[in-house]
Amino acid sequence: MGSSNVAMLSLLLVLYMVFVPSLATVYTVGDTSGWTTGVDYGAWTKDKTFKVGDSLVFNYPTSHTVDEVSSSDYSTCTVGNSITTDNTGATTVSLKTAGTHYFICGVLGHCGNGMKLAVKVESGSPSSSTDKPSTTTPSTTTTSTTKAPVDSSSSWSVSPFMAAVLTWVALSVMVIS
């Protein structure tokens, strides 16, 4: 392979990594306020569109918890029946299924004081969103305890499809040369 082919391939890969964002977005719950009492999480979600593949990052003092719960437990602020729970102070939840996901703080009284979040998650394509709540199981979310940055920004990555397209383009350039 000639040096001009290597240069062309390198340029294509760099341009692709810079200009092609993935569809996944990482949202920091409550932005700079984090996961705490006194925040209107309904207002926080109002202008956001959550999609399968996005992540929620909860930053909070260890005096709180992040519990994923059923719709009825969310509505009544019932603690003790959580689908998943974490209290490490930094919880990342991957949104793996469409539907509404419900989160509360499991500390008595905190949910009633506003520490509750309902997130409607759309499927990957905007035209096929679902309005019915999901019946989540522990396998629908992944909880990790890695501290994430405070800002809400899109993550960048190469999708398998685009990697295949770039490989095809690079091979075509090498064959033509």
C-alpha atoms as a PDB file:
ATOM      1  CA  MET A   1       0.000   0.000   0.000  1.00  0.00           C
ATOM      2  CA  GLY A   2       1.443   3.353  -1.045  1.00  0.00           C
ATOM      3  CA  SER A   3       1.930   6.300   1.276  1.00  0.00           C
ATOM      4  CA  SER A   4      -0.874   8.238  -0.457  1.00  0.00           C
ATOM      5  CA  ASN A   5      -3.291   5.375   0.305  1.00  0.00           C
ATOM      6  CA  VAL A   6      -2.265   5.327   3.957  1.00  0.00           C
ATOM      7  CA  ALA A   7      -2.693   9.097   4.143  1.00  0.00           C
ATOM      8  CA  MET A   8      -6.156   8.886   2.525  1.00  0.00           C
ATOM      9  CA  LEU A   9      -7.263   6.108   4.867  1.00  0.00           C
ATOM     10  CA  SER A  10      -5.962   7.990   7.903  1.00  0.00           C
ATOM     11  CA  LEU A  11      -7.751  11.168   6.814  1.00  0.00           C
ATOM     12  CA  LEU A  12     -11.025   9.301   6.294  1.00  0.00           C
ATOM     13  CA  LEU A  13     -10.820   7.674   9.721  1.00  0.00           C
ATOM     14  CA  VAL A  14     -10.022  10.952  11.473  1.00  0.00           C
ATOM     15  CA  LEU A  15     -12.863  12.772   9.703  1.00  0.00           C
ATOM     16  CA  TYR A  16     -15.262   9.981  10.562  1.00  0.00           C
ATOM     17  CA  MET A  17     -14.350   9.994  14.257  1.00  0.00           C
ATOM     18  CA  VAL A  18     -14.706  13.776  14.439  1.00  0.00           C
ATOM     19  CA  PHE A  19     -17.938  14.240  12.505  1.00  0.00           C
ATOM     20  CA  VAL A  20     -20.068  11.156  13.165  1.00  0.00           C
ATOM     21  CA  PRO A  21     -21.575  11.140  16.662  1.00  0.00           C
ATOM     22  CA  SER A  22     -23.270   8.068  17.992  1.00  0.00           C
ATOM     23  CA  LEU A  23     -26.925   8.205  18.866  1.00  0.00           C
ATOM     24  CA  ALA A  24     -26.286   7.589  22.564  1.00  0.00           C
ATOM     25  CA  THR A  25     -26.474  10.511  24.963  1.00  0.00           C
ATOM     26  CA  VAL A  26     -25.319  10.596  28.570  1.00  0.00           C
ATOM     27  CA  TYR A  27     -27.643  12.658  30.786  1.00  0.00           C
ATOM     28  CA  THR A  28     -26.559  13.837  34.215  1.00  0.00           C
ATOM     29  CA  VAL A  29     -29.743  13.693  36.281  1.00  0.00           C
ATOM     30  CA  GLY A  30     -30.518  17.131  37.691  1.00  0.00           C
ATOM     31  CA  ASP A  31     -27.518  18.611  35.855  1.00  0.00           C
ATOM     32  CA  THR A  32     -25.326  20.446  38.388  1.00  0.00           C
ATOM     33  CA  SER A  33     -27.862  19.949  41.209  1.00  0.00           C
ATOM     34  CA  GLY A  34     -27.541  16.181  40.946  1.00  0.00           C
ATOM     35  CA  TRP A  35     -29.848  13.638  42.603  1.00  0.00           C
ATOM     36  CA  THR A  36     -31.161  15.353  45.724  1.00  0.00           C
ATOM     37  CA  THR A  37     -34.270  16.769  47.355  1.00  0.00           C
ATOM     38  CA  GLY A  38     -35.606  20.129  46.182  1.00  0.00           C
ATOM     39  CA  VAL A  39     -35.138  19.534  42.436  1.00  0.00           C
ATOM     40  CA  ASP A  40     -38.063  19.419  40.004  1.00  0.00           C
ATOM     41  CA  TYR A  41     -37.141  16.340  37.957  1.00  0.00           C
ATOM     42  CA  GLY A  42     -40.341  16.664  35.896  1.00  0.00           C
ATOM     43  CA  ALA A  43     -39.088  20.043  34.678  1.00  0.00           C
ATOM     44  CA  TRP A  44     -35.617  18.570  34.126  1.00  0.00           C
ATOM     45  CA  THR A  45     -36.978  15.891  31.755  1.00  0.00           C
ATOM     46  CA  LYS A  46     -39.411  18.217  29.962  1.00  0.00           C
ATOM     47  CA  ASP A  47     -37.183  19.242  27.030  1.00  0.00           C
ATOM     48  CA  LYS A  48     -35.256  15.978  26.756  1.00  0.00           C
ATOM     49  CA  THR A  49     -35.854  13.012  24.479  1.00  0.00           C
ATOM     50  CA  PHE A  50     -34.499   9.783  25.923  1.00  0.00           C
ATOM     51  CA  LYS A  51     -33.749   6.893  23.583  1.00  0.00           C
ATOM     52  CA  VAL A  52     -32.740   3.274  23.997  1.00  0.00           C
ATOM     53  CA  GLY A  53     -28.951   3.277  24.379  1.00  0.00           C
ATOM     54  CA  ASP A  54     -28.801   6.538  26.343  1.00  0.00           C
ATOM     55  CA  SER A  55     -27.539   6.604  29.925  1.00  0.00           C
ATOM     56  CA  LEU A  56     -28.584   8.394  33.097  1.00  0.00           C
ATOM     57  CA  VAL A  57     -25.863   9.424  35.521  1.00  0.00           C
ATOM     58  CA  PHE A  58     -26.980  10.009  39.099  1.00  0.00           C
ATOM     59  CA  ASN A  59     -24.518  11.974  41.263  1.00  0.00           C
ATOM     60  CA  TYR A  60     -25.479  12.179  44.928  1.00  0.00           C
ATOM     61  CA  PRO A  61     -24.244  11.922  48.514  1.00  0.00           C
ATOM     62  CA  THR A  62     -24.311   8.388  49.915  1.00  0.00           C
ATOM     63  CA  SER A  63     -27.155   9.441  52.211  1.00  0.00           C
ATOM     64  CA  HIS A  64     -29.443   8.827  49.196  1.00  0.00           C
ATOM     65  CA  THR A  65     -30.166   5.855  46.927  1.00  0.00           C
ATOM     66  CA  VAL A  66     -31.158   5.340  43.320  1.00  0.00           C
ATOM     67  CA  ASP A  67     -33.906   2.720  43.145  1.00  0.00           C
ATOM     68  CA  GLU A  68     -35.546   1.680  39.906  1.00  0.00           C
ATOM     69  CA  VAL A  69     -39.147   0.821  40.785  1.00  0.00           C
ATOM     70  CA  SER A  70     -42.471  -0.137  39.220  1.00  0.00           C
ATOM     71  CA  SER A  71     -45.006   2.439  38.114  1.00  0.00           C
ATOM     72  CA  SER A  72     -47.208   1.784  41.153  1.00  0.00           C
ATOM     73  CA  ASP A  73     -44.294   2.043  43.615  1.00  0.00           C
ATOM     74  CA  TYR A  74     -43.268   5.287  41.907  1.00  0.00           C
ATOM     75  CA  SER A  75     -46.794   6.724  42.215  1.00  0.00           C
ATOM     76  CA  THR A  76     -47.103   5.814  45.889  1.00  0.00           C
ATOM     77  CA  CYS A  77     -43.430   6.324  46.835  1.00  0.00           C
ATOM     78  CA  THR A  78     -43.286   2.752  48.123  1.00  0.00           C
ATOM     79  CA  VAL A  79     -39.780   1.716  49.142  1.00  0.00           C
ATOM     80  CA  GLY A  80     -38.447  -1.795  49.628  1.00  0.00           C
ATOM     81  CA  ASN A  81     -39.636  -3.341  46.347  1.00  0.00           C
ATOM     82  CA  SER A  82     -36.972  -1.940  44.016  1.00  0.00           C
ATOM     83  CA  ILE A  83     -35.982  -3.634  40.764  1.00  0.00           C
ATOM     84  CA  THR A  84     -32.434  -2.330  41.221  1.00  0.00           C
ATOM     85  CA  THR A  85     -30.853  -0.179  43.894  1.00  0.00           C
ATOM     86  CA  ASP A  86     -27.541   1.593  44.423  1.00  0.00           C
ATOM     87  CA  ASN A  87     -26.187   3.901  47.114  1.00  0.00           C
ATOM     88  CA  THR A  88     -22.575   4.487  46.071  1.00  0.00           C
ATOM     89  CA  GLY A  89     -22.974   8.177  45.219  1.00  0.00           C
ATOM     90  CA  ALA A  90     -22.396   7.725  41.482  1.00  0.00           C
ATOM     91  CA  THR A  91     -24.802   5.492  39.581  1.00  0.00           C
ATOM     92  CA  THR A  92     -24.982   5.092  35.823  1.00  0.00           C
ATOM     93  CA  VAL A  93     -28.098   3.464  34.399  1.00  0.00           C
ATOM     94  CA  SER A  94     -28.122   2.347  30.770  1.00  0.00           C
ATOM     95  CA  LEU A  95     -31.559   2.690  29.219  1.00  0.00           C
ATOM     96  CA  LYS A  96     -31.861  -0.616  27.371  1.00  0.00           C
ATOM     97  CA  THR A  97     -35.609  -0.851  26.753  1.00  0.00           C
ATOM     98  CA  ALA A  98     -38.291   1.484  25.442  1.00  0.00           C
ATOM     99  CA  GLY A  99     -41.068   2.509  27.800  1.00  0.00           C
ATOM    100  CA  THR A 100     -41.162   4.501  31.007  1.00  0.00           C
ATOM    101  CA  HIS A 101     -38.533   3.844  33.654  1.00  0.00           C
ATOM    102  CA  TYR A 102     -39.167   4.979  37.222  1.00  0.00           C
ATOM    103  CA  PHE A 103     -36.572   5.977  39.821  1.00  0.00           C
ATOM    104  CA  ILE A 104     -36.933   7.082  43.431  1.00  0.00           C
ATOM    105  CA  CYS A 105     -34.702   7.650  46.419  1.00  0.00           C
ATOM    106  CA  GLY A 106     -35.291   4.746  48.790  1.00  0.00           C
ATOM    107  CA  VAL A 107     -34.691   6.803  51.931  1.00  0.00           C
ATOM    108  CA  LEU A 108     -38.016   7.242  53.739  1.00  0.00           C
ATOM    109  CA  GLY A 109     -39.595  10.608  52.962  1.00  0.00           C
ATOM    110  CA  HIS A 110     -37.211  11.574  50.152  1.00  0.00           C
ATOM    111  CA  CYS A 111     -39.477  10.376  47.309  1.00  0.00           C
ATOM    112  CA  GLY A 112     -42.378  12.291  48.849  1.00  0.00           C
ATOM    113  CA  ASN A 113     -40.115  15.363  48.894  1.00  0.00           C
ATOM    114  CA  GLY A 114     -39.556  15.149  45.147  1.00  0.00           C
ATOM    115  CA  MET A 115     -36.710  12.656  44.726  1.00  0.00           C
ATOM    116  CA  LYS A 116     -38.468  10.752  41.970  1.00  0.00           C
ATOM    117  CA  LEU A 117     -37.843  10.603  38.270  1.00  0.00           C
ATOM    118  CA  ALA A 118     -39.922   9.117  35.445  1.00  0.00           C
ATOM    119  CA  VAL A 119     -38.112   8.802  32.135  1.00  0.00           C
ATOM    120  CA  LYS A 120     -40.003   7.937  28.953  1.00  0.00           C
ATOM    121  CA  VAL A 121     -37.567   6.094  26.691  1.00  0.00           C
ATOM    122  CA  GLU A 122     -38.180   5.924  22.955  1.00  0.00           C
ATOM    123  CA  SER A 123     -36.888   3.180  20.698  1.00  0.00           C
ATOM    124  CA  GLY A 124     -33.951   3.989  18.406  1.00  0.00           C
ATOM    125  CA  SER A 125     -36.069   5.292  15.517  1.00  0.00           C
ATOM    126  CA  PRO A 126     -38.206   8.378  16.256  1.00  0.00           C
ATOM    127  CA  SER A 127     -41.222   7.008  14.350  1.00  0.00           C
ATOM    128  CA  SER A 128     -41.581   3.907  16.522  1.00  0.00           C
ATOM    129  CA  SER A 129     -41.753   5.318  20.039  1.00  0.00           C
ATOM    130  CA  THR A 130     -43.893   3.498  22.544  1.00  0.00           C
ATOM    131  CA  ASP A 131     -46.339   5.030  24.990  1.00  0.00           C
ATOM    132  CA  LYS A 132     -46.916   2.050  27.238  1.00  0.00           C
ATOM    133  CA  PRO A 133     -44.820   1.648  30.385  1.00  0.00           C
ATOM    134  CA  SER A 134     -42.280  -1.113  30.266  1.00  0.00           C
ATOM    135  CA  THR A 135     -42.381  -4.047  32.604  1.00  0.00           C
ATOM    136  CA  THR A 136     -38.758  -3.845  33.530  1.00  0.00           C
ATOM    137  CA  THR A 137     -36.695  -6.600  35.030  1.00  0.00           C
ATOM    138  CA  PRO A 138     -33.249  -6.354  36.576  1.00  0.00           C
ATOM    139  CA  SER A 139     -31.711  -7.247  33.211  1.00  0.00           C
ATOM    140  CA  THR A 140     -33.105  -4.119  31.527  1.00  0.00           C
ATOM    141  CA  THR A 141     -30.709  -1.761  33.240  1.00  0.00           C
ATOM    142  CA  THR A 142     -27.062  -1.865  34.045  1.00  0.00           C
ATOM    143  CA  THR A 143     -25.832  -0.105  37.147  1.00  0.00           C
ATOM    144  CA  SER A 144     -22.219   0.858  37.574  1.00  0.00           C
ATOM    145  CA  THR A 145     -20.458   3.049  40.053  1.00  0.00           C
ATOM    146  CA  THR A 146     -18.084   4.989  37.853  1.00  0.00           C
ATOM    147  CA  LYS A 147     -18.200   8.719  38.529  1.00  0.00           C
ATOM    148  CA  ALA A 148     -19.181  10.553  35.351  1.00  0.00           C
ATOM    149  CA  PRO A 149     -18.627  14.172  34.350  1.00  0.00           C
ATOM    150  CA  VAL A 150     -21.249  16.634  35.499  1.00  0.00           C
ATOM    151  CA  ASP A 151     -22.210  17.950  32.055  1.00  0.00           C
ATOM    152  CA  SER A 152     -24.793  16.350  29.741  1.00  0.00           C
ATOM    153  CA  SER A 153     -23.126  15.756  26.403  1.00  0.00           C
ATOM    154  CA  SER A 154     -23.350  13.381  23.505  1.00  0.00           C
ATOM    155  CA  SER A 155     -20.887  10.554  23.444  1.00  0.00           C
ATOM    156  CA  TRP A 156     -18.927   9.875  20.263  1.00  0.00           C
ATOM    157  CA  SER A 157     -18.209   6.505  18.767  1.00  0.00           C
ATOM    158  CA  VAL A 158     -18.014   4.584  15.516  1.00  0.00           C
ATOM    159  CA  SER A 159     -21.110   2.531  14.723  1.00  0.00           C
ATOM    160  CA  PRO A 160     -20.516  -0.921  13.214  1.00  0.00           C
ATOM    161  CA  PHE A 161     -22.344   0.121  10.029  1.00  0.00           C
ATOM    162  CA  MET A 162     -20.212   3.216   9.539  1.00  0.00           C
ATOM    163  CA  ALA A 163     -17.046   1.241  10.281  1.00  0.00           C
ATOM    164  CA  ALA A 164     -18.035  -1.176   7.503  1.00  0.00           C
ATOM    165  CA  VAL A 165     -18.749   1.722   5.124  1.00  0.00           C
ATOM    166  CA  LEU A 166     -15.389   3.313   5.907  1.00  0.00           C
ATOM    167  CA  THR A 167     -13.601   0.012   5.399  1.00  0.00           C
ATOM    168  CA  TRP A 168     -15.326  -0.404   2.025  1.00  0.00           C
ATOM    169  CA  VAL A 169     -14.382   3.149   0.992  1.00  0.00           C
ATOM    170  CA  ALA A 170     -10.781   2.653   2.082  1.00  0.00           C
ATOM    171  CA  LEU A 171     -10.502  -0.639   0.205  1.00  0.00           C
ATOM    172  CA  SER A 172     -12.062   0.943  -2.891  1.00  0.00           C
ATOM    173  CA  VAL A 173      -9.518   3.773  -2.783  1.00  0.00           C
ATOM    174  CA  MET A 174      -6.659   1.273  -2.509  1.00  0.00           C
ATOM    175  CA  VAL A 175      -7.965  -0.828  -5.415  1.00  0.00           C
ATOM    176  CA  ILE A 176      -8.473   2.210  -7.659  1.00  0.00           C
ATOM    177  CA  SER A 177      -4.968   3.548  -6.899  1.00  0.00           C
END
